[in-house]
PDB file of N, CA and C in Angstrom:
ATOM      1  N   MET A   1       4.404  11.050  24.379  1.00  0.00           N
ATOM      2  CA  MET A   1       3.128  11.033  23.649  1.00  0.00           C
ATOM      3  C   MET A   1       3.106  10.129  22.521  1.00  0.00           C
ATOM      4  N   LYS A   2       2.298   9.203  22.296  1.00  0.00           N
ATOM      5  CA  LYS A   2       2.214   8.210  21.246  1.00  0.00           C
ATOM      6  C   LYS A   2       1.999   8.978  19.903  1.00  0.00           C
ATOM      7  N   ASN A   3       2.652   8.409  18.947  1.00  0.00           N
ATOM      8  CA  ASN A   3       2.468   9.056  17.638  1.00  0.00           C
ATOM      9  C   ASN A   3       1.557   8.161  16.716  1.00  0.00           C
ATOM     10  N   LYS A   4       0.319   8.332  17.073  1.00  0.00           N
ATOM     11  CA  LYS A   4      -0.850   7.491  16.441  1.00  0.00           C
ATOM     12  C   LYS A   4      -0.826   7.961  14.921  1.00  0.00           C
ATOM     13  N   ARG A   5      -0.611   9.123  14.616  1.00  0.00           N
ATOM     14  CA  ARG A   5      -0.681   9.682  13.181  1.00  0.00           C
ATOM     15  C   ARG A   5       0.323   8.936  12.336  1.00  0.00           C
ATOM     16  N   MET A   6       1.564   8.680  12.882  1.00  0.00           N
ATOM     17  CA  MET A   6       2.528   8.086  12.182  1.00  0.00           C
ATOM     18  C   MET A   6       2.215   6.679  11.890  1.00  0.00           C
ATOM     19  N   LYS A   7       1.683   5.927  12.996  1.00  0.00           N
ATOM     20  CA  LYS A   7       1.247   4.572  12.829  1.00  0.00           C
ATOM     21  C   LYS A   7       0.147   4.352  11.712  1.00  0.00           C
ATOM     22  N   ILE A   8      -0.835   5.294  11.786  1.00  0.00           N
ATOM     23  CA  ILE A   8      -1.978   5.297  10.871  1.00  0.00           C
ATOM     24  C   ILE A   8      -1.450   5.410   9.449  1.00  0.00           C
ATOM     25  N   ALA A   9      -0.535   6.451   9.188  1.00  0.00           N
ATOM     26  CA  ALA A   9      -0.115   6.628   7.966  1.00  0.00           C
ATOM     27  C   ALA A   9       0.739   5.419   7.392  1.00  0.00           C
ATOM     28  N   ARG A  10       1.463   4.771   8.391  1.00  0.00           N
ATOM     29  CA  ARG A  10       2.285   3.640   7.969  1.00  0.00           C
ATOM     30  C   ARG A  10       1.367   2.467   7.510  1.00  0.00           C
ATOM     31  N   VAL A  11       0.322   2.309   8.270  1.00  0.00           N
ATOM     32  CA  VAL A  11      -0.625   1.179   8.039  1.00  0.00           C
ATOM     33  C   VAL A  11      -1.425   1.551   6.678  1.00  0.00           C
ATOM     34  N   GLU A  12      -1.789   2.666   6.420  1.00  0.00           N
ATOM     35  CA  GLU A  12      -2.451   3.120   5.256  1.00  0.00           C
ATOM     36  C   GLU A  12      -1.606   2.854   4.016  1.00  0.00           C
ATOM     37  N   ARG A  13      -0.232   2.947   4.153  1.00  0.00           N
ATOM     38  CA  ARG A  13       0.701   2.642   3.079  1.00  0.00           C
ATOM     39  C   ARG A  13       0.981   1.202   3.017  1.00  0.00           C
ATOM     40  N   ASP A  14       0.341   0.424   3.884  1.00  0.00           N
ATOM     41  CA  ASP A  14       0.583  -1.081   3.912  1.00  0.00           C
ATOM     42  C   ASP A  14       2.011  -1.410   4.140  1.00  0.00           C
ATOM     43  N   LEU A  15       2.615  -0.718   5.120  1.00  0.00           N
ATOM     44  CA  LEU A  15       4.022  -1.025   5.506  1.00  0.00           C
ATOM     45  C   LEU A  15       4.125  -1.515   6.838  1.00  0.00           C
ATOM     46  N   SER A  16       4.962  -2.636   7.126  1.00  0.00           N
ATOM     47  CA  SER A  16       5.208  -2.944   8.455  1.00  0.00           C
ATOM     48  C   SER A  16       6.234  -1.983   9.091  1.00  0.00           C
ATOM     49  N   GLN A  17       6.429  -2.151  10.415  1.00  0.00           N
ATOM     50  CA  GLN A  17       7.454  -1.322  11.014  1.00  0.00           C
ATOM     51  C   GLN A  17       8.824  -1.685  10.445  1.00  0.00           C
ATOM     52  N   GLU A  18       9.043  -2.934  10.214  1.00  0.00           N
ATOM     53  CA  GLU A  18      10.273  -3.329   9.523  1.00  0.00           C
ATOM     54  C   GLU A  18      10.500  -2.736   8.193  1.00  0.00           C
ATOM     55  N   GLN A  19       9.508  -2.751   7.375  1.00  0.00           N
ATOM     56  CA  GLN A  19       9.642  -2.139   6.047  1.00  0.00           C
ATOM     57  C   GLN A  19       9.893  -0.674   6.051  1.00  0.00           C
ATOM     58  N   LEU A  20       9.154   0.068   6.841  1.00  0.00           N
ATOM     59  CA  LEU A  20       9.375   1.509   7.111  1.00  0.00           C
ATOM     60  C   LEU A  20      10.819   1.739   7.623  1.00  0.00           C
ATOM     61  N   ALA A  21      11.325   0.997   8.583  1.00  0.00           N
ATOM     62  CA  ALA A  21      12.578   1.074   9.040  1.00  0.00           C
ATOM     63  C   ALA A  21      13.670   0.855   7.947  1.00  0.00           C
ATOM     64  N   ASN A  22      13.456  -0.101   7.171  1.00  0.00           N
ATOM     65  CA  ASN A  22      14.376  -0.271   6.000  1.00  0.00           C
ATOM     66  C   ASN A  22      14.518   0.938   5.087  1.00  0.00           C
ATOM     67  N   LYS A  23      13.250   1.459   4.747  1.00  0.00           N
ATOM     68  CA  LYS A  23      13.202   2.537   3.827  1.00  0.00           C
ATOM     69  C   LYS A  23      13.999   3.827   4.383  1.00  0.00           C
ATOM     70  N   VAL A  24      13.998   3.969   5.736  1.00  0.00           N
ATOM     71  CA  VAL A  24      14.607   5.224   6.329  1.00  0.00           C
ATOM     72  C   VAL A  24      15.921   4.861   6.880  1.00  0.00           C
ATOM     73  N   GLY A  25      16.303   3.665   7.009  1.00  0.00           N
ATOM     74  CA  GLY A  25      17.727   3.446   7.453  1.00  0.00           C
ATOM     75  C   GLY A  25      17.866   3.353   8.986  1.00  0.00           C
ATOM     76  N   VAL A  26      16.812   2.834   9.617  1.00  0.00           N
ATOM     77  CA  VAL A  26      16.905   2.564  11.079  1.00  0.00           C
ATOM     78  C   VAL A  26      16.368   1.234  11.330  1.00  0.00           C
ATOM     79  N   THR A  27      16.390   0.846  12.685  1.00  0.00           N
ATOM     80  CA  THR A  27      15.832  -0.466  13.076  1.00  0.00           C
ATOM     81  C   THR A  27      14.413  -0.435  13.286  1.00  0.00           C
ATOM     82  N   ARG A  28      13.779  -1.638  13.370  1.00  0.00           N
ATOM     83  CA  ARG A  28      12.315  -1.819  13.514  1.00  0.00           C
ATOM     84  C   ARG A  28      11.996  -1.266  14.997  1.00  0.00           C
ATOM     85  N   GLN A  29      12.882  -1.468  15.892  1.00  0.00           N
ATOM     86  CA  GLN A  29      12.793  -0.988  17.187  1.00  0.00           C
ATOM     87  C   GLN A  29      12.626   0.465  17.341  1.00  0.00           C
ATOM     88  N   THR A  30      13.420   1.217  16.471  1.00  0.00           N
ATOM     89  CA  THR A  30      13.439   2.688  16.430  1.00  0.00           C
ATOM     90  C   THR A  30      12.015   3.193  16.085  1.00  0.00           C
ATOM     91  N   ILE A  31      11.453   2.569  14.909  1.00  0.00           N
ATOM     92  CA  ILE A  31      10.131   2.946  14.484  1.00  0.00           C
ATOM     93  C   ILE A  31       9.041   2.605  15.664  1.00  0.00           C
ATOM     94  N   SER A  32       9.223   1.411  16.291  1.00  0.00           N
ATOM     95  CA  SER A  32       8.274   1.150  17.386  1.00  0.00           C
ATOM     96  C   SER A  32       8.396   2.131  18.520  1.00  0.00           C
ATOM     97  N   MET A  33       9.589   2.570  18.786  1.00  0.00           N
ATOM     98  CA  MET A  33       9.760   3.516  19.882  1.00  0.00           C
ATOM     99  C   MET A  33       9.184   4.862  19.558  1.00  0.00           C
ATOM    100  N   ILE A  34       9.304   5.275  18.313  1.00  0.00           N
ATOM    101  CA  ILE A  34       8.819   6.537  17.941  1.00  0.00           C
ATOM    102  C   ILE A  34       7.275   6.534  18.000  1.00  0.00           C
ATOM    103  N   GLU A  35       6.659   5.454  17.519  1.00  0.00           N
ATOM    104  CA  GLU A  35       5.176   5.277  17.553  1.00  0.00           C
ATOM    105  C   GLU A  35       4.623   5.107  18.947  1.00  0.00           C
ATOM    106  N   SER A  36       5.514   4.539  19.834  1.00  0.00           N
ATOM    107  CA  SER A  36       5.067   4.444  21.257  1.00  0.00           C
ATOM    108  C   SER A  36       5.296   5.676  22.077  1.00  0.00           C
ATOM    109  N   GLY A  37       6.072   6.626  21.482  1.00  0.00           N
ATOM    110  CA  GLY A  37       6.317   7.870  22.206  1.00  0.00           C
ATOM    111  C   GLY A  37       7.593   7.755  23.105  1.00  0.00           C
ATOM    112  N   HIS A  38       8.452   6.763  22.982  1.00  0.00           N
ATOM    113  CA  HIS A  38       9.573   6.531  23.861  1.00  0.00           C
ATOM    114  C   HIS A  38      10.781   7.026  23.124  1.00  0.00           C
ATOM    115  N   TYR A  39      10.766   7.640  21.983  1.00  0.00           N
ATOM    116  CA  TYR A  39      11.948   8.089  21.217  1.00  0.00           C
ATOM    117  C   TYR A  39      11.670   9.348  20.517  1.00  0.00           C
ATOM    118  N   ASN A  40      12.493  10.361  20.611  1.00  0.00           N
ATOM    119  CA  ASN A  40      12.307  11.687  19.943  1.00  0.00           C
ATOM    120  C   ASN A  40      13.292  11.676  18.763  1.00  0.00           C
ATOM    121  N   PRO A  41      12.679  11.462  17.427  1.00  0.00           N
ATOM    122  CA  PRO A  41      13.592  11.283  16.348  1.00  0.00           C
ATOM    123  C   PRO A  41      14.207  12.720  16.001  1.00  0.00           C
ATOM    124  N   SER A  42      15.337  12.576  15.318  1.00  0.00           N
ATOM    125  CA  SER A  42      16.067  13.816  14.862  1.00  0.00           C
ATOM    126  C   SER A  42      15.128  14.341  13.590  1.00  0.00           C
ATOM    127  N   LEU A  43      15.426  15.578  13.310  1.00  0.00           N
ATOM    128  CA  LEU A  43      14.805  16.151  12.251  1.00  0.00           C
ATOM    129  C   LEU A  43      15.035  15.538  10.920  1.00  0.00           C
ATOM    130  N   LYS A  44      16.301  14.994  10.714  1.00  0.00           N
ATOM    131  CA  LYS A  44      16.691  14.255   9.574  1.00  0.00           C
ATOM    132  C   LYS A  44      15.721  13.016   9.455  1.00  0.00           C
ATOM    133  N   LEU A  45      15.591  12.310  10.507  1.00  0.00           N
ATOM    134  CA  LEU A  45      14.819  11.038  10.492  1.00  0.00           C
ATOM    135  C   LEU A  45      13.286  11.387  10.261  1.00  0.00           C
ATOM    136  N   CYS A  46      12.792  12.450  10.954  1.00  0.00           N
ATOM    137  CA  CYS A  46      11.440  12.932  10.688  1.00  0.00           C
ATOM    138  C   CYS A  46      11.199  13.094   9.217  1.00  0.00           C
ATOM    139  N   LEU A  47      12.141  13.753   8.556  1.00  0.00           N
ATOM    140  CA  LEU A  47      12.013  14.150   7.142  1.00  0.00           C
ATOM    141  C   LEU A  47      12.004  12.881   6.334  1.00  0.00           C
ATOM    142  N   ALA A  48      12.819  11.951   6.610  1.00  0.00           N
ATOM    143  CA  ALA A  48      12.947  10.671   6.008  1.00  0.00           C
ATOM    144  C   ALA A  48      11.618   9.889   6.036  1.00  0.00           C
ATOM    145  N   ILE A  49      11.075   9.867   7.308  1.00  0.00           N
ATOM    146  CA  ILE A  49       9.784   9.124   7.475  1.00  0.00           C
ATOM    147  C   ILE A  49       8.662   9.865   6.739  1.00  0.00           C
ATOM    148  N   CYS A  50       8.680  11.153   6.779  1.00  0.00           N
ATOM    149  CA  CYS A  50       7.528  11.921   6.078  1.00  0.00           C
ATOM    150  C   CYS A  50       7.736  11.513   4.568  1.00  0.00           C
ATOM    151  N   GLN A  51       8.826  11.539   4.013  1.00  0.00           N
ATOM    152  CA  GLN A  51       9.061  11.202   2.583  1.00  0.00           C
ATOM    153  C   GLN A  51       8.589   9.774   2.227  1.00  0.00           C
ATOM    154  N   ALA A  52       8.967   8.889   3.196  1.00  0.00           N
ATOM    155  CA  ALA A  52       8.586   7.439   2.934  1.00  0.00           C
ATOM    156  C   ALA A  52       7.062   7.279   3.003  1.00  0.00           C
ATOM    157  N   LEU A  53       6.370   8.082   3.929  1.00  0.00           N
ATOM    158  CA  LEU A  53       4.978   7.955   4.063  1.00  0.00           C
ATOM    159  C   LEU A  53       4.230   8.934   3.271  1.00  0.00           C
ATOM    160  N   ASN A  54       4.783   9.747   2.517  1.00  0.00           N
ATOM    161  CA  ASN A  54       4.151  10.731   1.655  1.00  0.00           C
ATOM    162  C   ASN A  54       3.306  11.713   2.494  1.00  0.00           C
ATOM    163  N   ARG A  55       3.814  12.126   3.595  1.00  0.00           N
ATOM    164  CA  ARG A  55       3.189  12.992   4.512  1.00  0.00           C
ATOM    165  C   ARG A  55       4.161  14.208   4.831  1.00  0.00           C
ATOM    166  N   THR A  56       3.567  15.245   5.383  1.00  0.00           N
ATOM    167  CA  THR A  56       4.348  16.450   5.778  1.00  0.00           C
ATOM    168  C   THR A  56       4.749  16.334   7.239  1.00  0.00           C
ATOM    169  N   LEU A  57       5.653  17.177   7.704  1.00  0.00           N
ATOM    170  CA  LEU A  57       6.080  17.097   9.123  1.00  0.00           C
ATOM    171  C   LEU A  57       4.803  17.519   9.951  1.00  0.00           C
ATOM    172  N   ASN A  58       4.048  18.433   9.535  1.00  0.00           N
ATOM    173  CA  ASN A  58       2.869  18.871  10.236  1.00  0.00           C
ATOM    174  C   ASN A  58       1.871  17.648  10.432  1.00  0.00           C
ATOM    175  N   ASP A  59       1.820  16.945   9.289  1.00  0.00           N
ATOM    176  CA  ASP A  59       0.858  15.718   9.280  1.00  0.00           C
ATOM    177  C   ASP A  59       1.223  14.659  10.396  1.00  0.00           C
ATOM    178  N   LEU A  60       2.494  14.519  10.533  1.00  0.00           N
ATOM    179  CA  LEU A  60       2.900  13.389  11.436  1.00  0.00           C
ATOM    180  C   LEU A  60       3.572  13.815  12.737  1.00  0.00           C
ATOM    181  N   PHE A  61       4.142  15.026  12.953  1.00  0.00           N
ATOM    182  CA  PHE A  61       4.867  15.289  14.170  1.00  0.00           C
ATOM    183  C   PHE A  61       4.396  16.512  14.815  1.00  0.00           C
ATOM    184  N   TRP A  62       3.633  17.336  14.284  1.00  0.00           N
ATOM    185  CA  TRP A  62       3.144  18.619  14.966  1.00  0.00           C
ATOM    186  C   TRP A  62       2.121  18.353  15.970  1.00  0.00           C
ATOM    187  N   GLU A  63       2.414  18.686  17.202  1.00  0.00           N
ATOM    188  CA  GLU A  63       1.443  18.486  18.311  1.00  0.00           C
ATOM    189  C   GLU A  63       0.305  19.581  18.240  1.00  0.00           C
ATOM    190  N   GLU A  64      -0.999  19.049  18.354  1.00  0.00           N
ATOM    191  CA  GLU A  64      -2.071  20.057  18.291  1.00  0.00           C
ATOM    192  C   GLU A  64      -2.324  20.588  19.622  1.00  0.00           C
TER     193      GLU A  64
END
């Protein structure tokens, strides 16, 4: 499942995939794979992404 909420939050913060990746300590490809639904991040990485984007786990990763 694509993570459109994460992509929207990233764009709203005016961050490229590369910039977000640098903030959370992963590669740009990892961010791309999470957004496209091809990678299931660890809880630690989810929390780092949430902190970088000023969102909660529910905002970005909870499936409705």
